[in-house]
Amino acid sequence: MALISPTALLSIALTFTTYWICLALYRLYLHPLARFPGPRLAAVSGWYEFYFDVVKRGQFMWEIGRMHDVYGTPLPLSPQDPSFQIPPLRQWLSEFVTRCKLPIYHKSRDIPSLTTIFFLESLF
């Protein structure tokens, strides 16, 4: 004796599929971030970030920089998370850290490490 009938399972699966399709269409065309350029998968779900963080082992932060180079700013990183590129802040931070000669600065990638950011926050 089956706990749930095949018809009930089919209706549940159909309901969830319809929900996810409607949600994806809403996020692509009606959501406030839908008008910004960027990868459509990133605008629909968090799977884009998951792919670069888990499958590519933490490469999402570099992908954000690449996407800003391609699409500009602002950019949807996920359905509820826009990203803005602020070049003057990045330039100031780079000059400050270089001037202080902090050994925890990653010059090869021109981006301060999290340790540097926490160090700077403790100064203010």
C-alpha atoms as a PDB file:
ATOM      1  CA  MET A   1       0.000   0.000   0.000  1.00  0.00           C
ATOM      2  CA  ALA A   2       1.459   3.328  -1.122  1.00  0.00           C
ATOM      3  CA  LEU A   3       1.714   6.160   1.361  1.00  0.00           C
ATOM      4  CA  ILE A   4       1.011   8.766  -1.317  1.00  0.00           C
ATOM      5  CA  SER A   5      -0.735   7.989  -4.575  1.00  0.00           C
ATOM      6  CA  PRO A   6       1.085   8.557  -7.866  1.00  0.00           C
ATOM      7  CA  THR A   7      -1.504  11.187  -8.807  1.00  0.00           C
ATOM      8  CA  ALA A   8      -0.756  13.165  -5.633  1.00  0.00           C
ATOM      9  CA  LEU A   9       2.993  12.949  -6.289  1.00  0.00           C
ATOM     10  CA  LEU A  10       2.467  14.154  -9.839  1.00  0.00           C
ATOM     11  CA  SER A  11       0.335  17.093  -8.701  1.00  0.00           C
ATOM     12  CA  ILE A  12       2.939  18.068  -6.070  1.00  0.00           C
ATOM     13  CA  ALA A  13       5.734  17.917  -8.641  1.00  0.00           C
ATOM     14  CA  LEU A  14       3.668  19.927 -11.111  1.00  0.00           C
ATOM     15  CA  THR A  15       2.873  22.537  -8.455  1.00  0.00           C
ATOM     16  CA  PHE A  16       6.542  23.021  -7.529  1.00  0.00           C
ATOM     17  CA  THR A  17       7.594  23.150 -11.183  1.00  0.00           C
ATOM     18  CA  THR A  18       4.947  25.752 -11.961  1.00  0.00           C
ATOM     19  CA  TYR A  19       6.004  27.781  -8.924  1.00  0.00           C
ATOM     20  CA  TRP A  20       9.692  27.823  -9.931  1.00  0.00           C
ATOM     21  CA  ILE A  21       8.856  28.724 -13.547  1.00  0.00           C
ATOM     22  CA  CYS A  22       6.600  31.597 -12.440  1.00  0.00           C
ATOM     23  CA  LEU A  23       9.245  32.796  -9.975  1.00  0.00           C
ATOM     24  CA  ALA A  24      11.938  32.717 -12.674  1.00  0.00           C
ATOM     25  CA  LEU A  25       9.715  34.672 -15.085  1.00  0.00           C
ATOM     26  CA  TYR A  26       8.950  37.230 -12.378  1.00  0.00           C
ATOM     27  CA  ARG A  27      12.625  37.682 -11.567  1.00  0.00           C
ATOM     28  CA  LEU A  28      13.554  37.997 -15.251  1.00  0.00           C
ATOM     29  CA  TYR A  29      10.869  40.472 -16.315  1.00  0.00           C
ATOM     30  CA  LEU A  30       9.038  42.089 -13.361  1.00  0.00           C
ATOM     31  CA  HIS A  31      11.573  42.271 -10.534  1.00  0.00           C
ATOM     32  CA  PRO A  32      13.151  45.712  -9.850  1.00  0.00           C
ATOM     33  CA  LEU A  33      16.631  44.319 -10.650  1.00  0.00           C
ATOM     34  CA  ALA A  34      15.443  42.856 -13.968  1.00  0.00           C
ATOM     35  CA  ARG A  35      16.364  45.990 -15.904  1.00  0.00           C
ATOM     36  CA  PHE A  36      20.057  45.740 -15.020  1.00  0.00           C
ATOM     37  CA  PRO A  37      22.344  43.826 -17.404  1.00  0.00           C
ATOM     38  CA  GLY A  38      24.031  40.670 -16.233  1.00  0.00           C
ATOM     39  CA  PRO A  39      23.906  36.896 -16.449  1.00  0.00           C
ATOM     40  CA  ARG A  40      20.305  35.719 -16.515  1.00  0.00           C
ATOM     41  CA  LEU A  41      21.065  32.725 -14.287  1.00  0.00           C
ATOM     42  CA  ALA A  42      22.407  35.070 -11.608  1.00  0.00           C
ATOM     43  CA  ALA A  43      19.223  37.156 -11.822  1.00  0.00           C
ATOM     44  CA  VAL A  44      16.986  34.085 -11.486  1.00  0.00           C
ATOM     45  CA  SER A  45      18.629  32.075  -8.709  1.00  0.00           C
ATOM     46  CA  GLY A  46      21.631  31.689  -6.467  1.00  0.00           C
ATOM     47  CA  TRP A  47      22.995  28.794  -8.514  1.00  0.00           C
ATOM     48  CA  TYR A  48      25.417  31.054 -10.378  1.00  0.00           C
ATOM     49  CA  GLU A  49      27.118  32.044  -7.131  1.00  0.00           C
ATOM     50  CA  PHE A  50      26.972  28.440  -5.893  1.00  0.00           C
ATOM     51  CA  TYR A  51      28.750  27.233  -9.037  1.00  0.00           C
ATOM     52  CA  PHE A  52      31.673  29.643  -8.673  1.00  0.00           C
ATOM     53  CA  ASP A  53      31.942  29.262  -4.889  1.00  0.00           C
ATOM     54  CA  VAL A  54      31.593  25.477  -4.612  1.00  0.00           C
ATOM     55  CA  VAL A  55      32.395  23.902  -7.970  1.00  0.00           C
ATOM     56  CA  LYS A  56      35.134  26.373  -8.928  1.00  0.00           C
ATOM     57  CA  ARG A  57      36.305  26.613  -5.290  1.00  0.00           C
ATOM     58  CA  GLY A  58      35.787  30.223  -4.268  1.00  0.00           C
ATOM     59  CA  GLN A  59      36.243  31.971  -7.598  1.00  0.00           C
ATOM     60  CA  PHE A  60      33.034  34.036  -7.339  1.00  0.00           C
ATOM     61  CA  MET A  61      34.805  37.169  -6.127  1.00  0.00           C
ATOM     62  CA  TRP A  62      36.945  37.143  -9.287  1.00  0.00           C
ATOM     63  CA  GLU A  63      33.871  36.425 -11.395  1.00  0.00           C
ATOM     64  CA  ILE A  64      32.218  39.545  -9.948  1.00  0.00           C
ATOM     65  CA  GLY A  65      35.126  41.653 -11.236  1.00  0.00           C
ATOM     66  CA  ARG A  66      34.902  40.009 -14.661  1.00  0.00           C
ATOM     67  CA  MET A  67      31.140  40.579 -14.799  1.00  0.00           C
ATOM     68  CA  HIS A  68      31.627  44.255 -13.918  1.00  0.00           C
ATOM     69  CA  ASP A  69      34.120  44.537 -16.783  1.00  0.00           C
ATOM     70  CA  VAL A  70      31.630  42.951 -19.197  1.00  0.00           C
ATOM     71  CA  TYR A  71      28.269  44.350 -17.981  1.00  0.00           C
ATOM     72  CA  GLY A  72      29.214  47.504 -16.042  1.00  0.00           C
ATOM     73  CA  THR A  73      27.572  48.572 -12.824  1.00  0.00           C
ATOM     74  CA  PRO A  74      25.068  47.895 -11.196  1.00  0.00           C
ATOM     75  CA  LEU A  75      24.951  44.156 -11.621  1.00  0.00           C
ATOM     76  CA  PRO A  76      22.632  41.496 -10.126  1.00  0.00           C
ATOM     77  CA  LEU A  77      24.697  38.882  -8.264  1.00  0.00           C
ATOM     78  CA  SER A  78      21.598  37.005  -7.139  1.00  0.00           C
ATOM     79  CA  PRO A  79      17.871  37.791  -7.200  1.00  0.00           C
ATOM     80  CA  GLN A  80      18.088  40.056  -4.135  1.00  0.00           C
ATOM     81  CA  ASP A  81      21.740  41.148  -4.247  1.00  0.00           C
ATOM     82  CA  PRO A  82      22.900  43.948  -6.574  1.00  0.00           C
ATOM     83  CA  SER A  83      26.591  44.761  -6.893  1.00  0.00           C
ATOM     84  CA  PHE A  84      28.032  48.200  -7.498  1.00  0.00           C
ATOM     85  CA  GLN A  85      31.599  48.850  -8.533  1.00  0.00           C
ATOM     86  CA  ILE A  86      33.171  51.838  -6.807  1.00  0.00           C
ATOM     87  CA  PRO A  87      36.519  52.527  -8.507  1.00  0.00           C
ATOM     88  CA  PRO A  88      37.538  55.555  -6.374  1.00  0.00           C
ATOM     89  CA  LEU A  89      37.160  53.553  -3.142  1.00  0.00           C
ATOM     90  CA  ARG A  90      39.139  50.647  -4.569  1.00  0.00           C
ATOM     91  CA  GLN A  91      41.854  53.014  -5.771  1.00  0.00           C
ATOM     92  CA  TRP A  92      42.033  54.793  -2.389  1.00  0.00           C
ATOM     93  CA  LEU A  93      42.190  51.478  -0.535  1.00  0.00           C
ATOM     94  CA  SER A  94      44.918  50.219  -2.872  1.00  0.00           C
ATOM     95  CA  GLU A  95      47.004  53.378  -2.404  1.00  0.00           C
ATOM     96  CA  PHE A  96      46.501  53.374   1.385  1.00  0.00           C
ATOM     97  CA  VAL A  97      47.548  49.758   1.797  1.00  0.00           C
ATOM     98  CA  THR A  98      50.515  50.202  -0.535  1.00  0.00           C
ATOM     99  CA  ARG A  99      51.625  53.318   1.354  1.00  0.00           C
ATOM    100  CA  CYS A 100      51.379  51.482   4.688  1.00  0.00           C
ATOM    101  CA  LYS A 101      53.315  48.542   3.192  1.00  0.00           C
ATOM    102  CA  LEU A 102      51.068  45.956   4.781  1.00  0.00           C
ATOM    103  CA  PRO A 103      52.413  42.446   4.195  1.00  0.00           C
ATOM    104  CA  ILE A 104      48.897  41.016   3.968  1.00  0.00           C
ATOM    105  CA  TYR A 105      48.112  42.821   0.717  1.00  0.00           C
ATOM    106  CA  HIS A 106      47.732  40.695  -2.396  1.00  0.00           C
ATOM    107  CA  LYS A 107      49.500  42.771  -5.056  1.00  0.00           C
ATOM    108  CA  SER A 108      49.180  40.035  -7.653  1.00  0.00           C
ATOM    109  CA  ARG A 109      45.405  40.481  -7.809  1.00  0.00           C
ATOM    110  CA  ASP A 110      45.225  44.171  -6.812  1.00  0.00           C
ATOM    111  CA  ILE A 111      42.582  43.441  -4.172  1.00  0.00           C
ATOM    112  CA  PRO A 112      43.107  43.666  -0.419  1.00  0.00           C
ATOM    113  CA  SER A 113      42.542  40.537   1.598  1.00  0.00           C
ATOM    114  CA  LEU A 114      39.835  40.264   4.242  1.00  0.00           C
ATOM    115  CA  THR A 115      42.521  40.629   6.885  1.00  0.00           C
ATOM    116  CA  THR A 116      43.473  43.980   5.388  1.00  0.00           C
ATOM    117  CA  ILE A 117      39.866  45.132   5.397  1.00  0.00           C
ATOM    118  CA  PHE A 118      39.430  44.129   9.041  1.00  0.00           C
ATOM    119  CA  PHE A 119      42.702  45.909   9.867  1.00  0.00           C
ATOM    120  CA  LEU A 120      41.446  49.083   8.180  1.00  0.00           C
ATOM    121  CA  GLU A 121      38.137  48.903  10.039  1.00  0.00           C
ATOM    122  CA  SER A 122      39.987  48.722  13.334  1.00  0.00           C
ATOM    123  CA  LEU A 123      41.801  51.985  12.510  1.00  0.00           C
ATOM    124  CA  PHE A 124      38.578  54.001  12.327  1.00  0.00           C
END
